[in-house]
Amino acid sequence: MSGIAVSDLVKGKIIIICMAWGTITRLTRKLQTDIIQNRIGAGKKVFFENPLEEMAFRYIPGDVGELGKYFVKYYGRDEYEISFDSSPVLMGIMEGKPISRSRYERYHLIEGTYGNRKVSTVPVHNQAMIEQYADPVY
C-alpha cells in the first residue's frame, strides 16, 4: 500500500468512528429523554439536569387530575418554582439527563462558569486598546 492509500484508509476509519460516536451520543440523549418523560408520565418524582445551561430540575407530581410542579436550581443559586411550559423545563427534558436526589440537593453549592465566561467580540489585534476601557474582571 502506498502512503496515500494508508492515509486515506486512516481518514476513512476516523470518519467511521466519528459517525458511530455521533450515533451513540444521539441514542444516549434519546434514552435519557425517554427516562425523564416516562418517570414524569408515571407520576414519579424526577430529578434531572441540563449541564449546558447549568440548571437542575425537580418534578413533583400533582394529585390525580392536577399538574405537577417543577422547581429549578442554577449553580450557586437557591431553588424556585418554574412553569411547566417554560423553555428551560422543555429544554431540560429534551436535552437533560437524570440525576440523583443528592446531586440535586447540592446543586446550589456548585460554582458555575456560565455567567463567568469571558466572551470577546473584539478581534485579538485590538484587544490591548480595548482593555484600557473595559471594566476589570474579578
C-alpha atoms as a PDB file:
ATOM      1  CA  MET A   1       0.000   0.000   0.000  1.00  0.00           C
ATOM      2  CA  SER A   2       1.277   3.430  -0.793  1.00  0.00           C
ATOM      3  CA  GLY A   3       1.432   6.344   1.641  1.00  0.00           C
ATOM      4  CA  ILE A   4      -1.654   7.906   0.086  1.00  0.00           C
ATOM      5  CA  ALA A   5      -3.701   4.727   0.400  1.00  0.00           C
ATOM      6  CA  VAL A   6      -2.759   4.311   4.081  1.00  0.00           C
ATOM      7  CA  SER A   7      -3.598   7.949   4.770  1.00  0.00           C
ATOM      8  CA  ASP A   8      -6.970   7.562   3.046  1.00  0.00           C
ATOM      9  CA  LEU A   9      -7.602   4.369   4.998  1.00  0.00           C
ATOM     10  CA  VAL A  10      -6.872   6.126   8.305  1.00  0.00           C
ATOM     11  CA  LYS A  11      -9.108   9.066   7.349  1.00  0.00           C
ATOM     12  CA  GLY A  12     -11.876   6.633   6.442  1.00  0.00           C
ATOM     13  CA  LYS A  13     -11.599   4.877   9.814  1.00  0.00           C
ATOM     14  CA  ILE A  14     -11.662   8.211  11.652  1.00  0.00           C
ATOM     15  CA  ILE A  15     -14.786   9.257   9.758  1.00  0.00           C
ATOM     16  CA  ILE A  16     -16.488   5.960  10.607  1.00  0.00           C
ATOM     17  CA  ILE A  17     -15.539   6.324  14.286  1.00  0.00           C
ATOM     18  CA  CYS A  18     -16.889   9.899  14.376  1.00  0.00           C
ATOM     19  CA  MET A  19     -20.145   8.823  12.747  1.00  0.00           C
ATOM     20  CA  ALA A  20     -20.500   5.951  15.218  1.00  0.00           C
ATOM     21  CA  TRP A  21     -19.776   8.297  18.140  1.00  0.00           C
ATOM     22  CA  GLY A  22     -22.420  10.735  16.913  1.00  0.00           C
ATOM     23  CA  THR A  23     -24.955   7.913  16.646  1.00  0.00           C
ATOM     24  CA  ILE A  24     -24.121   6.685  20.159  1.00  0.00           C
ATOM     25  CA  THR A  25     -24.448  10.212  21.541  1.00  0.00           C
ATOM     26  CA  ARG A  26     -27.857  10.714  19.896  1.00  0.00           C
ATOM     27  CA  LEU A  27     -29.121   7.358  21.152  1.00  0.00           C
ATOM     28  CA  THR A  28     -27.903   8.098  24.678  1.00  0.00           C
ATOM     29  CA  ARG A  29     -29.602  11.505  24.676  1.00  0.00           C
ATOM     30  CA  LYS A  30     -32.819   9.928  23.379  1.00  0.00           C
ATOM     31  CA  LEU A  31     -32.672   7.254  26.083  1.00  0.00           C
ATOM     32  CA  GLN A  32     -32.143   9.872  28.804  1.00  0.00           C
ATOM     33  CA  THR A  33     -35.050  11.929  27.452  1.00  0.00           C
ATOM     34  CA  ASP A  34     -37.260   8.846  27.417  1.00  0.00           C
ATOM     35  CA  ILE A  35     -36.348   8.031  31.028  1.00  0.00           C
ATOM     36  CA  ILE A  36     -37.246  11.548  32.182  1.00  0.00           C
ATOM     37  CA  GLN A  37     -40.502  11.635  30.188  1.00  0.00           C
ATOM     38  CA  ASN A  38     -41.557   8.147  31.324  1.00  0.00           C
ATOM     39  CA  ARG A  39     -40.991   8.977  35.002  1.00  0.00           C
ATOM     40  CA  ILE A  40     -42.967  12.210  34.679  1.00  0.00           C
ATOM     41  CA  GLY A  41     -45.735  10.361  32.848  1.00  0.00           C
ATOM     42  CA  ALA A  42     -45.814   7.683  35.548  1.00  0.00           C
ATOM     43  CA  GLY A  43     -46.311  10.344  38.226  1.00  0.00           C
ATOM     44  CA  LYS A  44     -42.953   9.843  39.943  1.00  0.00           C
ATOM     45  CA  LYS A  45     -40.548  12.385  41.402  1.00  0.00           C
ATOM     46  CA  VAL A  46     -37.835  13.145  38.893  1.00  0.00           C
ATOM     47  CA  PHE A  47     -34.528  14.943  39.292  1.00  0.00           C
ATOM     48  CA  PHE A  48     -32.733  15.930  36.091  1.00  0.00           C
ATOM     49  CA  GLU A  49     -30.249  18.494  34.856  1.00  0.00           C
ATOM     50  CA  ASN A  50     -29.246  20.382  31.765  1.00  0.00           C
ATOM     51  CA  PRO A  51     -25.469  20.681  32.259  1.00  0.00           C
ATOM     52  CA  LEU A  52     -25.015  23.035  29.312  1.00  0.00           C
ATOM     53  CA  GLU A  53     -27.295  25.612  30.925  1.00  0.00           C
ATOM     54  CA  GLU A  54     -26.062  24.734  34.444  1.00  0.00           C
ATOM     55  CA  MET A  55     -29.544  24.075  35.800  1.00  0.00           C
ATOM     56  CA  ALA A  56     -31.144  21.199  37.677  1.00  0.00           C
ATOM     57  CA  PHE A  57     -34.845  20.425  37.899  1.00  0.00           C
ATOM     58  CA  ARG A  58     -37.109  18.662  40.346  1.00  0.00           C
ATOM     59  CA  TYR A  59     -40.527  17.430  39.296  1.00  0.00           C
ATOM     60  CA  ILE A  60     -43.130  16.747  41.983  1.00  0.00           C
ATOM     61  CA  PRO A  61     -46.279  15.033  40.658  1.00  0.00           C
ATOM     62  CA  GLY A  62     -49.642  16.601  41.398  1.00  0.00           C
ATOM     63  CA  ASP A  63     -52.724  14.918  42.770  1.00  0.00           C
ATOM     64  CA  VAL A  64     -54.959  12.991  40.390  1.00  0.00           C
ATOM     65  CA  GLY A  65     -56.148  15.360  37.663  1.00  0.00           C
ATOM     66  CA  GLU A  66     -53.730  18.142  38.674  1.00  0.00           C
ATOM     67  CA  LEU A  67     -50.495  19.218  37.054  1.00  0.00           C
ATOM     68  CA  GLY A  68     -47.253  18.548  38.838  1.00  0.00           C
ATOM     69  CA  LYS A  69     -44.805  21.253  39.861  1.00  0.00           C
ATOM     70  CA  TYR A  70     -41.331  21.940  38.558  1.00  0.00           C
ATOM     71  CA  PHE A  71     -38.556  23.523  40.567  1.00  0.00           C
ATOM     72  CA  VAL A  72     -35.212  24.691  39.250  1.00  0.00           C
ATOM     73  CA  LYS A  73     -31.776  25.392  40.717  1.00  0.00           C
ATOM     74  CA  TYR A  74     -28.894  27.059  38.969  1.00  0.00           C
ATOM     75  CA  TYR A  75     -25.302  26.606  40.035  1.00  0.00           C
ATOM     76  CA  GLY A  76     -24.742  28.827  43.050  1.00  0.00           C
ATOM     77  CA  ARG A  77     -28.419  29.807  43.438  1.00  0.00           C
ATOM     78  CA  ASP A  78     -31.373  28.644  45.503  1.00  0.00           C
ATOM     79  CA  GLU A  79     -34.368  26.710  44.248  1.00  0.00           C
ATOM     80  CA  TYR A  80     -37.543  28.310  42.950  1.00  0.00           C
ATOM     81  CA  GLU A  81     -40.715  27.110  41.227  1.00  0.00           C
ATOM     82  CA  ILE A  82     -40.899  27.375  37.452  1.00  0.00           C
ATOM     83  CA  SER A  83     -43.790  26.981  34.998  1.00  0.00           C
ATOM     84  CA  PHE A  84     -44.203  23.556  33.385  1.00  0.00           C
ATOM     85  CA  ASP A  85     -44.350  25.081  29.899  1.00  0.00           C
ATOM     86  CA  SER A  86     -41.292  27.307  30.212  1.00  0.00           C
ATOM     87  CA  SER A  87     -38.428  26.960  27.780  1.00  0.00           C
ATOM     88  CA  PRO A  88     -35.875  25.862  30.429  1.00  0.00           C
ATOM     89  CA  VAL A  89     -38.122  22.986  31.550  1.00  0.00           C
ATOM     90  CA  LEU A  90     -38.727  21.818  27.982  1.00  0.00           C
ATOM     91  CA  MET A  91     -35.025  22.033  27.128  1.00  0.00           C
ATOM     92  CA  GLY A  92     -34.146  20.252  30.379  1.00  0.00           C
ATOM     93  CA  ILE A  93     -36.434  17.374  29.481  1.00  0.00           C
ATOM     94  CA  MET A  94     -35.275  17.169  25.863  1.00  0.00           C
ATOM     95  CA  GLU A  95     -31.534  17.638  26.427  1.00  0.00           C
ATOM     96  CA  GLY A  96     -31.123  16.826  30.087  1.00  0.00           C
ATOM     97  CA  LYS A  97     -30.069  13.765  31.960  1.00  0.00           C
ATOM     98  CA  PRO A  98     -31.445  12.176  35.118  1.00  0.00           C
ATOM     99  CA  ILE A  99     -29.522  12.906  38.323  1.00  0.00           C
ATOM    100  CA  SER A 100     -29.727  11.689  41.902  1.00  0.00           C
ATOM    101  CA  ARG A 101     -31.612  13.474  44.623  1.00  0.00           C
ATOM    102  CA  SER A 102     -28.356  14.121  46.499  1.00  0.00           C
ATOM    103  CA  ARG A 103     -26.781  15.821  43.454  1.00  0.00           C
ATOM    104  CA  TYR A 104     -29.877  17.997  43.110  1.00  0.00           C
ATOM    105  CA  GLU A 105     -29.747  18.953  46.791  1.00  0.00           C
ATOM    106  CA  ARG A 106     -26.077  20.016  46.431  1.00  0.00           C
ATOM    107  CA  TYR A 107     -26.594  21.798  43.105  1.00  0.00           C
ATOM    108  CA  HIS A 108     -26.781  25.311  44.548  1.00  0.00           C
ATOM    109  CA  LEU A 109     -23.392  24.736  46.206  1.00  0.00           C
ATOM    110  CA  ILE A 110     -21.634  24.174  42.874  1.00  0.00           C
ATOM    111  CA  GLU A 111     -19.919  27.212  41.444  1.00  0.00           C
ATOM    112  CA  GLY A 112     -20.968  27.737  37.867  1.00  0.00           C
ATOM    113  CA  THR A 113     -18.982  29.030  34.936  1.00  0.00           C
ATOM    114  CA  TYR A 114     -21.866  30.070  32.680  1.00  0.00           C
ATOM    115  CA  GLY A 115     -22.061  33.658  33.937  1.00  0.00           C
ATOM    116  CA  ASN A 116     -18.294  33.929  34.373  1.00  0.00           C
ATOM    117  CA  ARG A 117     -17.333  33.024  30.826  1.00  0.00           C
ATOM    118  CA  LYS A 118     -15.179  35.550  29.046  1.00  0.00           C
ATOM    119  CA  VAL A 119     -16.730  36.272  25.696  1.00  0.00           C
ATOM    120  CA  SER A 120     -14.923  38.633  23.428  1.00  0.00           C
ATOM    121  CA  THR A 121     -16.265  40.020  20.201  1.00  0.00           C
ATOM    122  CA  VAL A 122     -13.197  42.213  19.749  1.00  0.00           C
ATOM    123  CA  PRO A 123     -10.528  40.959  17.349  1.00  0.00           C
ATOM    124  CA  VAL A 124      -7.333  39.956  19.106  1.00  0.00           C
ATOM    125  CA  HIS A 125      -5.222  42.688  17.457  1.00  0.00           C
ATOM    126  CA  ASN A 126      -7.455  45.366  19.063  1.00  0.00           C
ATOM    127  CA  GLN A 127      -7.616  43.671  22.478  1.00  0.00           C
ATOM    128  CA  ALA A 128      -4.852  45.761  24.096  1.00  0.00           C
ATOM    129  CA  MET A 129      -6.525  49.037  23.163  1.00  0.00           C
ATOM    130  CA  ILE A 130      -9.964  47.854  24.329  1.00  0.00           C
ATOM    131  CA  GLU A 131      -8.657  46.570  27.690  1.00  0.00           C
ATOM    132  CA  GLN A 132      -7.858  50.099  28.847  1.00  0.00           C
ATOM    133  CA  TYR A 133     -11.578  50.954  28.577  1.00  0.00           C
ATOM    134  CA  ALA A 134     -13.014  47.668  29.795  1.00  0.00           C
ATOM    135  CA  ASP A 135     -14.187  47.045  33.343  1.00  0.00           C
ATOM    136  CA  PRO A 136     -11.802  44.885  35.341  1.00  0.00           C
ATOM    137  CA  VAL A 137     -12.758  41.220  35.718  1.00  0.00           C
ATOM    138  CA  TYR A 138     -12.529  39.898  39.259  1.00  0.00           C
END
